[in-house]
């Protein structure tokens, strides 16, 4: 696949469902069931976080318009790459996105997972930036912003946090010299911008 850099959300069609189980259950249900199957048993704390992110995305879904199902499904699946049976490169965003594509999920959904919460900065730290950008386009949209917001205002146990509290928690958990802490220093500004855009969109929505 050629490197498409950034694309607008309308540049790729969103089919709304993975290739299997069509018309059996909603994409939101399929995503939550898939995440539970792969995370709840082996990674219960990660599953608590994912449940919180999924619930927050449900609350934010009105800012995504016709892409509401896409946002919620991506929220449920954003950390699927941590599942032991899915880990490959060790970079969860890329591993999860690749697994989703292999298993028939929509490329746009997989791309949101690949790039969630400014993952390109972590990819660069890991020497996987070219692989990420060449395999999965990075969209700039209300959906990608809301996905980052949902992830970065939800703590490791599913609790609500401000984005500043979440970043502080990550730094404390990993330590000052860890790769994750290094990439967050670089990603903080664009992440805060995504959070602010989402807050502005939510404020503009009718109650």
N, C-alpha and C. Protein backbone atom coordinates (compact mmCIF):
# COMPACT_ATOMS: atom_id res chain seq x y z
N UNK A 1 0.85 -1.19 0.00
CA UNK A 1 0.00 0.00 0.00
C UNK A 1 0.88 1.24 0.00
N UNK A 2 0.57 2.21 -0.84
CA UNK A 2 1.35 3.44 -0.86
C UNK A 2 1.03 4.25 0.38
N UNK A 3 1.92 5.17 0.68
CA UNK A 3 1.75 6.01 1.86
C UNK A 3 0.80 7.16 1.54
N UNK A 4 -0.43 7.17 2.11
CA UNK A 4 -1.38 8.22 1.79
C UNK A 4 -1.28 9.42 2.71
N UNK A 5 -0.31 9.41 3.66
CA UNK A 5 -0.16 10.48 4.64
C UNK A 5 -1.51 10.70 5.35
N UNK A 6 -2.01 11.92 5.35
CA UNK A 6 -3.28 12.21 6.01
C UNK A 6 -4.39 12.22 4.97
N UNK A 7 -5.57 11.76 5.38
CA UNK A 7 -6.70 11.85 4.49
C UNK A 7 -7.88 12.41 5.25
N UNK A 8 -8.82 12.95 4.53
CA UNK A 8 -10.06 13.41 5.14
C UNK A 8 -10.96 12.20 5.33
N UNK A 9 -11.86 12.29 6.31
CA UNK A 9 -12.68 11.13 6.63
C UNK A 9 -13.52 10.68 5.44
N UNK A 10 -13.90 11.61 4.55
CA UNK A 10 -14.73 11.22 3.42
C UNK A 10 -13.96 10.56 2.30
N UNK A 11 -12.63 10.51 2.41
CA UNK A 11 -11.83 9.94 1.33
C UNK A 11 -11.85 8.41 1.33
N UNK A 12 -12.24 7.80 2.44
CA UNK A 12 -12.39 6.34 2.49
C UNK A 12 -13.81 6.03 2.92
N UNK A 13 -14.43 5.09 2.23
CA UNK A 13 -15.78 4.69 2.59
C UNK A 13 -15.75 3.90 3.89
N UNK A 14 -16.77 4.10 4.69
CA UNK A 14 -16.92 3.32 5.93
C UNK A 14 -18.06 2.36 5.71
N UNK A 15 -17.75 1.07 5.62
CA UNK A 15 -18.77 0.07 5.31
C UNK A 15 -19.68 -0.21 6.49
N UNK A 16 -19.20 0.08 7.70
CA UNK A 16 -20.04 -0.07 8.87
C UNK A 16 -19.98 -1.43 9.53
N UNK A 17 -19.39 -2.42 8.90
CA UNK A 17 -19.31 -3.76 9.48
C UNK A 17 -18.05 -4.46 9.00
N UNK A 18 -17.51 -5.36 9.83
CA UNK A 18 -16.46 -6.23 9.31
C UNK A 18 -17.03 -7.19 8.28
N UNK A 19 -16.17 -7.93 7.62
CA UNK A 19 -16.61 -8.77 6.51
C UNK A 19 -17.42 -9.97 6.97
N UNK A 20 -17.34 -10.33 8.25
CA UNK A 20 -18.04 -11.50 8.73
C UNK A 20 -19.21 -11.10 9.63
N UNK A 21 -20.10 -12.03 9.91
CA UNK A 21 -21.25 -11.81 10.79
C UNK A 21 -22.12 -10.64 10.34
N UNK A 22 -22.13 -10.39 9.04
CA UNK A 22 -22.91 -9.27 8.53
C UNK A 22 -24.38 -9.46 8.87
N UNK A 23 -25.02 -8.39 9.34
CA UNK A 23 -26.44 -8.36 9.68
C UNK A 23 -26.79 -9.18 10.91
N UNK A 24 -25.83 -9.74 11.63
CA UNK A 24 -26.13 -10.53 12.82
C UNK A 24 -26.22 -9.63 14.04
N UNK A 25 -25.26 -8.76 14.26
CA UNK A 25 -25.29 -7.83 15.37
C UNK A 25 -24.62 -6.54 14.93
N UNK A 26 -24.82 -5.46 15.67
CA UNK A 26 -24.26 -4.18 15.28
C UNK A 26 -22.74 -4.19 15.39
N UNK A 27 -22.12 -3.24 14.67
CA UNK A 27 -20.67 -3.13 14.72
C UNK A 27 -20.20 -2.79 16.13
N UNK A 28 -20.99 -2.02 16.88
CA UNK A 28 -20.63 -1.72 18.25
C UNK A 28 -20.61 -2.99 19.09
N UNK A 29 -21.63 -3.82 18.92
CA UNK A 29 -21.70 -5.07 19.67
C UNK A 29 -20.57 -6.02 19.29
N UNK A 30 -20.29 -6.12 18.00
CA UNK A 30 -19.19 -6.99 17.56
C UNK A 30 -17.87 -6.52 18.13
N UNK A 31 -17.66 -5.20 18.14
CA UNK A 31 -16.40 -4.66 18.65
C UNK A 31 -16.25 -4.92 20.14
N UNK A 32 -17.31 -4.67 20.91
CA UNK A 32 -17.21 -4.88 22.35
C UNK A 32 -17.03 -6.35 22.69
N UNK A 33 -17.70 -7.23 21.98
CA UNK A 33 -17.56 -8.66 22.23
C UNK A 33 -16.16 -9.15 21.86
N UNK A 34 -15.62 -8.62 20.77
CA UNK A 34 -14.27 -9.00 20.34
C UNK A 34 -13.24 -8.54 21.37
N UNK A 35 -13.38 -7.31 21.83
CA UNK A 35 -12.44 -6.80 22.83
C UNK A 35 -12.53 -7.60 24.12
N UNK A 36 -13.73 -7.90 24.56
CA UNK A 36 -13.89 -8.67 25.80
C UNK A 36 -13.25 -10.06 25.66
N UNK A 37 -13.46 -10.69 24.51
CA UNK A 37 -12.93 -12.04 24.30
C UNK A 37 -11.41 -12.06 24.38
N UNK A 38 -10.77 -11.02 23.90
CA UNK A 38 -9.31 -11.03 23.83
C UNK A 38 -8.62 -10.35 25.01
N UNK A 39 -9.35 -9.55 25.77
CA UNK A 39 -8.69 -8.77 26.83
C UNK A 39 -9.14 -9.12 28.24
N UNK A 40 -10.39 -9.47 28.42
CA UNK A 40 -10.93 -9.59 29.77
C UNK A 40 -10.23 -10.65 30.60
N UNK A 41 -9.92 -11.80 30.00
CA UNK A 41 -9.33 -12.90 30.75
C UNK A 41 -7.88 -12.67 31.14
N UNK A 42 -7.04 -12.34 30.15
CA UNK A 42 -5.60 -12.21 30.39
C UNK A 42 -5.20 -10.83 30.88
N UNK A 43 -5.97 -9.81 30.55
CA UNK A 43 -5.57 -8.43 30.86
C UNK A 43 -6.75 -7.69 31.50
N UNK A 44 -7.15 -8.07 32.70
CA UNK A 44 -8.36 -7.49 33.30
C UNK A 44 -8.26 -5.98 33.53
N UNK A 45 -7.08 -5.48 33.88
CA UNK A 45 -6.97 -4.03 34.07
C UNK A 45 -7.08 -3.30 32.74
N UNK A 46 -6.46 -3.83 31.73
CA UNK A 46 -6.59 -3.24 30.40
C UNK A 46 -8.05 -3.26 29.96
N UNK A 47 -8.75 -4.33 30.28
CA UNK A 47 -10.16 -4.43 29.93
C UNK A 47 -10.98 -3.37 30.67
N UNK A 48 -10.65 -3.08 31.92
CA UNK A 48 -11.34 -2.00 32.63
C UNK A 48 -11.15 -0.67 31.92
N UNK A 49 -9.93 -0.41 31.48
CA UNK A 49 -9.66 0.82 30.72
C UNK A 49 -10.49 0.85 29.45
N UNK A 50 -10.48 -0.24 28.70
CA UNK A 50 -11.20 -0.29 27.42
C UNK A 50 -12.70 -0.09 27.64
N UNK A 51 -13.24 -0.70 28.68
CA UNK A 51 -14.67 -0.50 28.97
C UNK A 51 -14.97 0.97 29.22
N UNK A 52 -14.08 1.65 29.96
CA UNK A 52 -14.28 3.07 30.20
C UNK A 52 -14.20 3.89 28.93
N UNK A 53 -13.25 3.54 28.06
CA UNK A 53 -13.10 4.26 26.79
C UNK A 53 -14.32 4.03 25.91
N UNK A 54 -14.81 2.79 25.87
CA UNK A 54 -16.00 2.50 25.07
C UNK A 54 -17.20 3.29 25.56
N UNK A 55 -17.39 3.36 26.87
CA UNK A 55 -18.51 4.12 27.42
C UNK A 55 -18.39 5.60 27.13
N UNK A 56 -17.18 6.12 27.22
CA UNK A 56 -16.98 7.55 26.94
C UNK A 56 -17.24 7.86 25.47
N UNK A 57 -16.81 6.97 24.59
CA UNK A 57 -17.08 7.17 23.16
C UNK A 57 -18.57 7.15 22.87
N UNK A 58 -19.32 6.30 23.57
CA UNK A 58 -20.78 6.30 23.42
C UNK A 58 -21.32 7.69 23.76
N UNK A 59 -20.83 8.27 24.85
CA UNK A 59 -21.29 9.59 25.26
C UNK A 59 -20.94 10.66 24.24
N UNK A 60 -19.78 10.51 23.59
CA UNK A 60 -19.31 11.50 22.62
C UNK A 60 -19.84 11.26 21.21
N UNK A 61 -20.55 10.17 20.99
CA UNK A 61 -20.81 9.72 19.62
C UNK A 61 -21.58 10.74 18.79
N UNK A 62 -22.33 11.63 19.44
CA UNK A 62 -23.09 12.59 18.65
C UNK A 62 -22.19 13.56 17.89
N UNK A 63 -20.94 13.76 18.32
CA UNK A 63 -20.06 14.66 17.57
C UNK A 63 -19.57 14.00 16.28
N UNK A 64 -19.73 12.68 16.17
CA UNK A 64 -19.26 11.96 14.99
C UNK A 64 -20.31 11.84 13.90
N UNK A 65 -21.53 12.28 14.15
CA UNK A 65 -22.56 12.25 13.13
C UNK A 65 -22.81 10.84 12.60
N UNK A 66 -22.76 10.69 11.30
CA UNK A 66 -23.01 9.38 10.68
C UNK A 66 -21.91 8.38 10.97
N UNK A 67 -20.80 8.83 11.53
CA UNK A 67 -19.69 7.94 11.88
C UNK A 67 -19.72 7.53 13.35
N UNK A 68 -20.86 7.68 14.01
CA UNK A 68 -20.96 7.35 15.43
C UNK A 68 -20.60 5.89 15.70
N UNK A 69 -21.10 4.98 14.88
CA UNK A 69 -20.79 3.56 15.09
C UNK A 69 -19.30 3.30 14.92
N UNK A 70 -18.69 3.96 13.97
CA UNK A 70 -17.26 3.82 13.73
C UNK A 70 -16.46 4.27 14.95
N UNK A 71 -16.82 5.40 15.52
CA UNK A 71 -16.13 5.91 16.70
C UNK A 71 -16.22 4.92 17.85
N UNK A 72 -17.41 4.45 18.13
CA UNK A 72 -17.60 3.56 19.28
C UNK A 72 -16.88 2.23 19.07
N UNK A 73 -16.96 1.69 17.85
CA UNK A 73 -16.27 0.43 17.56
C UNK A 73 -14.76 0.59 17.72
N UNK A 74 -14.22 1.70 17.22
CA UNK A 74 -12.77 1.94 17.35
C UNK A 74 -12.37 2.08 18.80
N UNK A 75 -13.23 2.69 19.61
CA UNK A 75 -12.93 2.83 21.04
C UNK A 75 -12.84 1.46 21.71
N UNK A 76 -13.76 0.58 21.41
CA UNK A 76 -13.71 -0.76 21.99
C UNK A 76 -12.47 -1.53 21.54
N UNK A 77 -12.02 -1.28 20.34
CA UNK A 77 -10.93 -2.08 19.76
C UNK A 77 -9.57 -1.41 19.83
N UNK A 78 -9.47 -0.21 20.39
CA UNK A 78 -8.24 0.56 20.26
C UNK A 78 -7.03 -0.13 20.91
N UNK A 79 -7.26 -0.94 21.94
CA UNK A 79 -6.14 -1.61 22.62
C UNK A 79 -6.11 -3.12 22.38
N UNK A 80 -6.78 -3.58 21.34
CA UNK A 80 -6.83 -5.02 21.07
C UNK A 80 -5.43 -5.59 20.82
N UNK A 81 -4.51 -4.75 20.38
CA UNK A 81 -3.15 -5.20 20.09
C UNK A 81 -2.34 -5.58 21.31
N UNK A 82 -2.87 -5.34 22.52
CA UNK A 82 -2.20 -5.80 23.73
C UNK A 82 -2.47 -7.27 24.03
N UNK A 83 -3.50 -7.85 23.42
CA UNK A 83 -3.85 -9.24 23.70
C UNK A 83 -2.67 -10.15 23.38
N UNK A 84 -2.31 -11.06 24.27
CA UNK A 84 -1.12 -11.90 24.07
C UNK A 84 -1.10 -12.63 22.74
N UNK A 85 -2.26 -13.09 22.29
CA UNK A 85 -2.31 -13.84 21.04
C UNK A 85 -2.24 -12.95 19.80
N UNK A 86 -2.31 -11.64 19.99
CA UNK A 86 -2.27 -10.70 18.87
C UNK A 86 -0.93 -9.98 18.79
N UNK A 87 -0.20 -9.91 19.90
CA UNK A 87 1.10 -9.22 19.92
C UNK A 87 2.03 -9.81 18.86
N UNK A 88 2.65 -8.92 18.08
CA UNK A 88 3.62 -9.34 17.07
C UNK A 88 4.86 -8.45 17.16
N UNK A 89 4.73 -7.20 16.73
CA UNK A 89 5.87 -6.29 16.77
C UNK A 89 6.13 -5.77 18.18
N UNK A 90 5.13 -5.84 19.05
CA UNK A 90 5.23 -5.26 20.38
C UNK A 90 4.69 -3.85 20.45
N UNK A 91 4.26 -3.31 19.33
CA UNK A 91 3.64 -1.98 19.27
C UNK A 91 2.14 -2.20 19.10
N UNK A 92 1.38 -1.97 20.16
CA UNK A 92 0.00 -2.44 20.19
C UNK A 92 -0.88 -1.80 19.13
N UNK A 93 -0.64 -0.54 18.82
CA UNK A 93 -1.48 0.13 17.82
C UNK A 93 -1.35 -0.54 16.45
N UNK A 94 -0.13 -0.82 16.06
CA UNK A 94 0.12 -1.46 14.77
C UNK A 94 -0.32 -2.93 14.78
N UNK A 95 0.01 -3.64 15.84
CA UNK A 95 -0.37 -5.05 15.92
C UNK A 95 -1.89 -5.21 15.89
N UNK A 96 -2.59 -4.35 16.63
CA UNK A 96 -4.04 -4.43 16.64
C UNK A 96 -4.64 -4.13 15.28
N UNK A 97 -4.15 -3.10 14.62
CA UNK A 97 -4.68 -2.73 13.31
C UNK A 97 -4.44 -3.82 12.28
N UNK A 98 -3.25 -4.40 12.30
CA UNK A 98 -2.96 -5.49 11.36
C UNK A 98 -3.87 -6.68 11.60
N UNK A 99 -4.09 -7.01 12.86
CA UNK A 99 -4.96 -8.14 13.20
C UNK A 99 -6.38 -7.87 12.73
N UNK A 100 -6.86 -6.66 12.91
CA UNK A 100 -8.21 -6.32 12.48
C UNK A 100 -8.37 -6.50 10.98
N UNK A 101 -7.40 -6.02 10.21
CA UNK A 101 -7.47 -6.17 8.75
C UNK A 101 -7.46 -7.65 8.37
N UNK A 102 -6.59 -8.42 9.00
CA UNK A 102 -6.53 -9.86 8.69
C UNK A 102 -7.85 -10.56 8.99
N UNK A 103 -8.58 -10.04 9.93
CA UNK A 103 -9.82 -10.68 10.34
C UNK A 103 -11.06 -10.01 9.75
N UNK A 104 -10.87 -9.23 8.70
CA UNK A 104 -12.00 -8.74 7.92
C UNK A 104 -12.63 -7.46 8.37
N UNK A 105 -12.00 -6.75 9.31
CA UNK A 105 -12.58 -5.49 9.76
C UNK A 105 -12.26 -4.39 8.76
N UNK A 106 -13.07 -3.36 8.79
CA UNK A 106 -12.98 -2.24 7.87
C UNK A 106 -11.63 -1.53 7.99
N UNK A 107 -11.04 -1.15 6.85
CA UNK A 107 -9.71 -0.52 6.85
C UNK A 107 -9.73 0.83 7.57
N UNK A 108 -10.83 1.55 7.46
CA UNK A 108 -10.86 2.84 8.15
C UNK A 108 -10.87 2.65 9.66
N UNK A 109 -11.63 1.68 10.14
CA UNK A 109 -11.63 1.38 11.57
C UNK A 109 -10.24 0.95 12.01
N UNK A 110 -9.62 0.06 11.25
CA UNK A 110 -8.27 -0.40 11.59
C UNK A 110 -7.29 0.76 11.61
N UNK A 111 -7.44 1.71 10.71
CA UNK A 111 -6.54 2.86 10.65
C UNK A 111 -6.72 3.76 11.87
N UNK A 112 -7.96 3.92 12.33
CA UNK A 112 -8.18 4.69 13.56
C UNK A 112 -7.50 4.02 14.75
N UNK A 113 -7.58 2.70 14.82
CA UNK A 113 -6.88 1.97 15.87
C UNK A 113 -5.37 2.15 15.73
N UNK A 114 -4.88 2.07 14.51
CA UNK A 114 -3.44 2.19 14.27
C UNK A 114 -2.89 3.53 14.74
N UNK A 115 -3.67 4.58 14.58
CA UNK A 115 -3.16 5.93 14.85
C UNK A 115 -3.76 6.57 16.10
N UNK A 116 -4.49 5.80 16.91
CA UNK A 116 -5.19 6.43 18.03
C UNK A 116 -4.20 7.10 18.99
N UNK A 117 -4.64 8.24 19.51
CA UNK A 117 -3.88 8.98 20.53
C UNK A 117 -2.45 9.27 20.09
N UNK A 118 -2.33 9.78 18.87
CA UNK A 118 -1.03 10.23 18.34
C UNK A 118 0.01 9.10 18.32
N UNK A 119 -0.42 7.90 17.93
CA UNK A 119 0.45 6.73 17.96
C UNK A 119 1.64 6.85 17.02
N UNK A 120 1.59 7.73 16.04
CA UNK A 120 2.72 7.86 15.12
C UNK A 120 3.99 8.28 15.85
N UNK A 121 3.84 9.02 16.95
CA UNK A 121 5.03 9.43 17.71
C UNK A 121 5.67 8.22 18.38
N UNK A 122 4.86 7.33 18.90
CA UNK A 122 5.41 6.11 19.48
C UNK A 122 6.02 5.22 18.40
N UNK A 123 5.36 5.17 17.24
CA UNK A 123 5.89 4.37 16.14
C UNK A 123 7.29 4.84 15.76
N UNK A 124 7.49 6.15 15.71
CA UNK A 124 8.82 6.68 15.38
C UNK A 124 9.84 6.27 16.43
N UNK A 125 9.46 6.32 17.70
CA UNK A 125 10.37 5.92 18.77
C UNK A 125 10.77 4.45 18.64
N UNK A 126 9.87 3.64 18.13
CA UNK A 126 10.11 2.21 18.00
C UNK A 126 10.73 1.83 16.65
N UNK A 127 10.95 2.80 15.78
CA UNK A 127 11.47 2.50 14.45
C UNK A 127 10.43 1.89 13.53
N UNK A 128 9.15 2.14 13.82
CA UNK A 128 8.06 1.57 13.04
C UNK A 128 7.22 2.64 12.36
N UNK A 129 7.72 3.85 12.31
CA UNK A 129 6.96 4.94 11.72
C UNK A 129 6.60 4.71 10.27
N UNK A 130 7.56 4.25 9.48
CA UNK A 130 7.31 4.00 8.06
C UNK A 130 6.29 2.88 7.87
N UNK A 131 6.41 1.83 8.65
CA UNK A 131 5.46 0.73 8.55
C UNK A 131 4.04 1.20 8.87
N UNK A 132 3.90 1.98 9.93
CA UNK A 132 2.58 2.46 10.31
C UNK A 132 1.97 3.34 9.23
N UNK A 133 2.73 4.31 8.76
CA UNK A 133 2.18 5.26 7.80
C UNK A 133 1.94 4.65 6.43
N UNK A 134 2.73 3.64 6.05
CA UNK A 134 2.55 3.03 4.73
C UNK A 134 1.38 2.05 4.70
N UNK A 135 1.06 1.45 5.86
CA UNK A 135 -0.02 0.46 5.90
C UNK A 135 -1.37 1.07 6.25
N UNK A 136 -1.36 2.16 7.04
CA UNK A 136 -2.62 2.69 7.55
C UNK A 136 -2.64 4.21 7.44
N UNK A 137 -3.59 4.76 6.68
CA UNK A 137 -3.69 6.22 6.57
C UNK A 137 -4.16 6.83 7.88
N UNK A 138 -3.66 8.02 8.16
CA UNK A 138 -3.96 8.74 9.40
C UNK A 138 -4.95 9.84 9.08
N UNK A 139 -6.18 9.68 9.53
CA UNK A 139 -7.19 10.69 9.21
C UNK A 139 -7.23 11.78 10.26
N UNK A 140 -7.56 12.97 9.82
CA UNK A 140 -7.79 14.10 10.72
C UNK A 140 -9.29 14.40 10.68
N UNK A 141 -10.01 14.06 11.74
CA UNK A 141 -11.46 14.17 11.71
C UNK A 141 -12.00 14.28 13.12
N UNK A 142 -13.29 14.57 13.22
CA UNK A 142 -13.95 14.58 14.52
C UNK A 142 -13.89 13.20 15.17
N UNK A 143 -13.90 12.15 14.35
CA UNK A 143 -13.85 10.79 14.89
C UNK A 143 -12.50 10.52 15.53
N UNK A 144 -11.41 10.82 14.82
CA UNK A 144 -10.09 10.56 15.39
C UNK A 144 -9.84 11.42 16.63
N UNK A 145 -10.32 12.66 16.62
CA UNK A 145 -10.18 13.50 17.80
C UNK A 145 -10.95 12.92 18.99
N UNK A 146 -12.18 12.48 18.74
CA UNK A 146 -12.99 11.95 19.84
C UNK A 146 -12.43 10.64 20.37
N UNK A 147 -11.83 9.84 19.50
CA UNK A 147 -11.20 8.60 19.96
C UNK A 147 -10.02 8.93 20.89
N UNK A 148 -9.20 9.90 20.50
CA UNK A 148 -8.09 10.31 21.36
C UNK A 148 -8.60 10.87 22.68
N UNK A 149 -9.65 11.67 22.61
CA UNK A 149 -10.23 12.23 23.84
C UNK A 149 -10.70 11.10 24.76
N UNK A 150 -11.41 10.13 24.21
CA UNK A 150 -11.94 9.04 25.02
C UNK A 150 -10.83 8.26 25.70
N UNK A 151 -9.76 8.00 24.97
CA UNK A 151 -8.63 7.25 25.51
C UNK A 151 -7.88 8.05 26.56
N UNK A 152 -7.63 9.31 26.27
CA UNK A 152 -6.74 10.10 27.10
C UNK A 152 -7.44 10.83 28.25
N UNK A 153 -8.72 10.59 28.44
CA UNK A 153 -9.41 11.08 29.64
C UNK A 153 -9.98 9.90 30.43
N UNK A 154 -9.44 8.71 30.19
CA UNK A 154 -9.86 7.50 30.89
C UNK A 154 -8.63 6.83 31.48
N UNK A 155 -8.64 6.60 32.78
CA UNK A 155 -7.47 6.03 33.45
C UNK A 155 -7.35 4.54 33.25
N UNK A 156 -6.31 3.94 33.79
CA UNK A 156 -6.04 2.52 33.58
C UNK A 156 -7.07 1.61 34.22
N UNK A 157 -7.84 2.12 35.18
CA UNK A 157 -8.91 1.34 35.80
C UNK A 157 -10.29 1.78 35.34
N UNK A 158 -10.33 2.55 34.26
CA UNK A 158 -11.59 3.00 33.70
C UNK A 158 -12.13 4.28 34.30
N UNK A 159 -11.37 4.91 35.20
CA UNK A 159 -11.84 6.11 35.88
C UNK A 159 -11.71 7.34 34.98
N UNK A 160 -12.57 8.33 35.24
CA UNK A 160 -12.48 9.60 34.52
C UNK A 160 -11.29 10.40 35.03
N UNK A 161 -10.50 10.93 34.10
CA UNK A 161 -9.38 11.81 34.42
C UNK A 161 -9.39 12.98 33.45
N UNK A 162 -8.79 14.08 33.85
CA UNK A 162 -8.48 15.11 32.86
C UNK A 162 -7.31 14.61 32.02
N UNK A 163 -7.11 15.20 30.88
CA UNK A 163 -5.99 14.77 30.05
C UNK A 163 -4.67 15.05 30.75
N UNK A 164 -4.59 16.12 31.52
CA UNK A 164 -3.36 16.42 32.26
C UNK A 164 -3.10 15.35 33.33
N UNK A 165 -4.16 14.91 34.01
CA UNK A 165 -4.02 13.84 35.00
C UNK A 165 -3.60 12.53 34.34
N UNK A 166 -4.15 12.27 33.18
CA UNK A 166 -3.80 11.04 32.46
C UNK A 166 -2.34 11.04 32.04
N UNK A 167 -1.87 12.15 31.51
CA UNK A 167 -0.47 12.23 31.10
C UNK A 167 0.46 12.10 32.31
N UNK A 168 0.08 12.71 33.42
CA UNK A 168 0.90 12.60 34.63
C UNK A 168 0.92 11.15 35.13
N UNK A 169 -0.21 10.48 35.06
CA UNK A 169 -0.29 9.08 35.49
C UNK A 169 0.60 8.19 34.62
N UNK A 170 0.61 8.43 33.32
CA UNK A 170 1.44 7.65 32.41
C UNK A 170 2.92 7.86 32.73
N UNK A 171 3.30 9.10 32.93
CA UNK A 171 4.71 9.39 33.23
C UNK A 171 5.14 8.72 34.54
N UNK A 172 4.26 8.77 35.54
CA UNK A 172 4.59 8.15 36.83
C UNK A 172 4.68 6.63 36.68
N UNK A 173 3.78 6.05 35.91
CA UNK A 173 3.74 4.60 35.78
C UNK A 173 4.95 4.06 35.03
N UNK A 174 5.39 4.77 34.00
CA UNK A 174 6.49 4.27 33.16
C UNK A 174 7.86 4.79 33.57
N UNK A 175 7.90 5.91 34.25
CA UNK A 175 9.18 6.48 34.63
C UNK A 175 9.71 7.44 33.59
N UNK A 176 10.66 8.32 33.98
CA UNK A 176 11.08 9.43 33.12
C UNK A 176 11.83 9.02 31.86
N UNK A 177 12.47 7.87 31.86
CA UNK A 177 13.33 7.50 30.73
C UNK A 177 12.71 6.45 29.82
N UNK A 178 11.50 6.03 30.10
CA UNK A 178 10.87 4.99 29.29
C UNK A 178 10.48 5.52 27.92
N UNK A 179 10.47 4.64 26.94
CA UNK A 179 10.07 5.00 25.58
C UNK A 179 8.69 5.65 25.55
N UNK A 180 7.76 5.12 26.31
CA UNK A 180 6.39 5.65 26.33
C UNK A 180 6.39 7.09 26.83
N UNK A 181 7.15 7.37 27.89
CA UNK A 181 7.23 8.73 28.40
C UNK A 181 7.87 9.66 27.39
N UNK A 182 8.89 9.18 26.70
CA UNK A 182 9.54 10.02 25.68
C UNK A 182 8.58 10.38 24.56
N UNK A 183 7.80 9.43 24.10
CA UNK A 183 6.92 9.75 22.98
C UNK A 183 5.79 10.68 23.42
N UNK A 184 5.33 10.56 24.69
CA UNK A 184 4.27 11.45 25.13
C UNK A 184 4.74 12.90 25.25
N UNK A 185 6.01 13.11 25.53
CA UNK A 185 6.52 14.48 25.55
C UNK A 185 6.34 15.13 24.18
N UNK A 186 6.58 14.37 23.13
CA UNK A 186 6.45 14.88 21.77
C UNK A 186 4.99 14.98 21.33
N UNK A 187 4.16 14.06 21.80
CA UNK A 187 2.77 13.98 21.35
C UNK A 187 1.83 14.88 22.14
N UNK A 188 2.31 15.44 23.25
CA UNK A 188 1.40 16.16 24.15
C UNK A 188 0.67 17.30 23.46
N UNK A 189 1.38 18.12 22.71
CA UNK A 189 0.72 19.29 22.11
C UNK A 189 -0.38 18.88 21.12
N UNK A 190 -0.11 18.01 20.12
CA UNK A 190 -1.21 17.63 19.22
C UNK A 190 -2.33 16.91 19.93
N UNK A 191 -2.01 16.16 20.97
CA UNK A 191 -3.06 15.48 21.71
C UNK A 191 -3.97 16.48 22.42
N UNK A 192 -3.37 17.47 23.06
CA UNK A 192 -4.17 18.49 23.74
C UNK A 192 -5.05 19.25 22.75
N UNK A 193 -4.54 19.46 21.55
CA UNK A 193 -5.34 20.13 20.52
C UNK A 193 -6.54 19.28 20.13
N UNK A 194 -6.35 17.96 20.01
CA UNK A 194 -7.46 17.06 19.68
C UNK A 194 -8.51 17.09 20.79
N UNK A 195 -8.06 17.12 22.04
CA UNK A 195 -8.98 17.18 23.17
C UNK A 195 -9.77 18.48 23.14
N UNK A 196 -9.10 19.58 22.89
CA UNK A 196 -9.79 20.88 22.85
C UNK A 196 -10.81 20.92 21.72
N UNK A 197 -10.46 20.37 20.56
CA UNK A 197 -11.41 20.36 19.44
C UNK A 197 -12.65 19.54 19.80
N UNK A 198 -12.45 18.43 20.45
CA UNK A 198 -13.60 17.60 20.85
C UNK A 198 -14.47 18.33 21.86
N UNK A 199 -13.85 18.98 22.83
CA UNK A 199 -14.62 19.73 23.81
C UNK A 199 -15.42 20.84 23.15
N UNK A 200 -14.84 21.49 22.14
CA UNK A 200 -15.56 22.54 21.42
C UNK A 200 -16.73 21.97 20.64
N UNK A 201 -16.53 20.82 20.02
CA UNK A 201 -17.63 20.18 19.28
C UNK A 201 -18.75 19.77 20.23
N UNK A 202 -18.40 19.24 21.38
CA UNK A 202 -19.41 18.84 22.34
C UNK A 202 -20.19 20.06 22.84
N UNK A 203 -19.50 21.15 23.10
CA UNK A 203 -20.16 22.35 23.60
C UNK A 203 -21.13 22.92 22.57
N UNK A 204 -20.83 22.70 21.29
CA UNK A 204 -21.66 23.23 20.21
C UNK A 204 -22.88 22.37 19.92
N UNK A 205 -22.91 21.14 20.49
CA UNK A 205 -24.03 20.24 20.26
C UNK A 205 -25.24 20.66 21.09
N UNK A 206 -26.44 20.56 20.51
CA UNK A 206 -27.65 20.85 21.30
C UNK A 206 -27.83 19.81 22.39
N UNK A 207 -28.30 20.24 23.52
CA UNK A 207 -28.52 19.34 24.65
C UNK A 207 -29.80 18.52 24.43
